[in-house]
């Protein structure tokens, strides 16, 4: 699920196969409305997790989200 046969992280492929990603990218233009809708989907998922998961069950997903966002922000601020 997370890694391919070579042991490489498989998130790019998983993202590209998401119907919402395909819909957003189909015209090559990402609109403010599309970003808003995706943000609302994320908030909805997080609220559902908060409601349905114990605090212990939330720890790993929260840790992942924190690390992924650190990587995301680091990537866009890194200067060669």
Protein backbone atom coordinates (compact mmCIF):
# COMPACT_ATOMS: atom_id res chain seq x y z
CA UNK A 1 0.00 0.00 0.00
CA UNK A 2 2.63 2.54 1.03
CA UNK A 3 5.64 1.10 -0.82
CA UNK A 4 6.18 -0.39 -4.27
CA UNK A 5 8.08 -3.61 -5.03
CA UNK A 6 11.41 -1.75 -4.93
CA UNK A 7 10.69 -0.43 -1.44
CA UNK A 8 10.10 3.14 -2.63
CA UNK A 9 7.36 5.26 -1.09
CA UNK A 10 4.32 5.07 -3.36
CA UNK A 11 2.44 8.27 -2.51
CA UNK A 12 2.81 9.97 -5.91
CA UNK A 13 1.11 7.06 -7.65
CA UNK A 14 -1.60 6.92 -4.99
CA UNK A 15 -2.27 10.65 -5.39
CA UNK A 16 -2.34 10.50 -9.18
CA UNK A 17 -4.89 7.67 -9.05
CA UNK A 18 -7.25 9.59 -6.74
CA UNK A 19 -10.42 10.62 -8.62
CA UNK A 20 -10.43 14.04 -6.95
CA UNK A 21 -6.83 14.69 -8.06
CA UNK A 22 -7.67 13.65 -11.63
CA UNK A 23 -10.70 15.95 -11.64
CA UNK A 24 -8.72 18.90 -10.29
CA UNK A 25 -5.91 18.39 -12.81
CA UNK A 26 -7.96 17.49 -15.91
CA UNK A 27 -7.94 21.03 -17.34
CA UNK A 28 -4.43 21.87 -16.13
CA UNK A 29 -5.73 24.75 -14.01
CA UNK A 30 -6.19 24.55 -10.24
CA UNK A 31 -8.87 26.97 -9.13
CA UNK A 32 -9.46 28.56 -5.76
CA UNK A 33 -12.78 26.67 -5.59
CA UNK A 34 -11.02 23.33 -6.17
CA UNK A 35 -8.54 24.09 -3.39
CA UNK A 36 -11.42 25.07 -1.10
CA UNK A 37 -13.30 21.84 -1.87
CA UNK A 38 -10.20 19.72 -1.26
CA UNK A 39 -9.58 21.53 2.04
CA UNK A 40 -13.17 20.81 3.06
CA UNK A 41 -12.67 17.09 2.26
CA UNK A 42 -9.58 17.01 4.47
CA UNK A 43 -11.35 18.76 7.34
CA UNK A 44 -14.26 16.33 7.03
CA UNK A 45 -11.92 13.33 7.21
CA UNK A 46 -10.08 14.76 10.21
CA UNK A 47 -13.34 15.48 12.04
CA UNK A 48 -14.50 11.92 11.36
CA UNK A 49 -11.20 10.55 12.70
CA UNK A 50 -11.47 12.73 15.78
CA UNK A 51 -15.00 11.50 16.41
CA UNK A 52 -14.46 7.80 15.63
CA UNK A 53 -10.86 7.08 16.71
CA UNK A 54 -9.50 6.92 20.21
CA UNK A 55 -6.70 9.30 21.10
CA UNK A 56 -4.26 6.41 20.78
CA UNK A 57 -5.57 5.53 17.30
CA UNK A 58 -5.11 9.15 16.22
CA UNK A 59 -1.42 9.35 17.19
CA UNK A 60 0.11 7.77 14.08
CA UNK A 61 -2.06 9.60 11.52
CA UNK A 62 -1.39 12.90 13.32
CA UNK A 63 2.34 12.19 13.40
CA UNK A 64 2.25 11.36 9.69
CA UNK A 65 0.37 14.58 8.87
CA UNK A 66 2.86 16.62 10.86
CA UNK A 67 5.87 15.01 9.16
CA UNK A 68 4.32 15.21 5.69
CA UNK A 69 3.62 18.91 6.15
CA UNK A 70 7.15 19.53 7.42
CA UNK A 71 8.45 17.81 4.26
CA UNK A 72 6.04 19.79 2.07
CA UNK A 73 7.03 23.17 3.53
CA UNK A 74 10.71 22.26 3.60
CA UNK A 75 10.58 21.25 -0.07
CA UNK A 76 9.14 24.60 -1.13
CA UNK A 77 11.52 26.69 0.97
CA UNK A 78 14.70 24.71 0.21
CA UNK A 79 17.20 26.71 -1.85
CA UNK A 80 20.01 25.06 -3.78
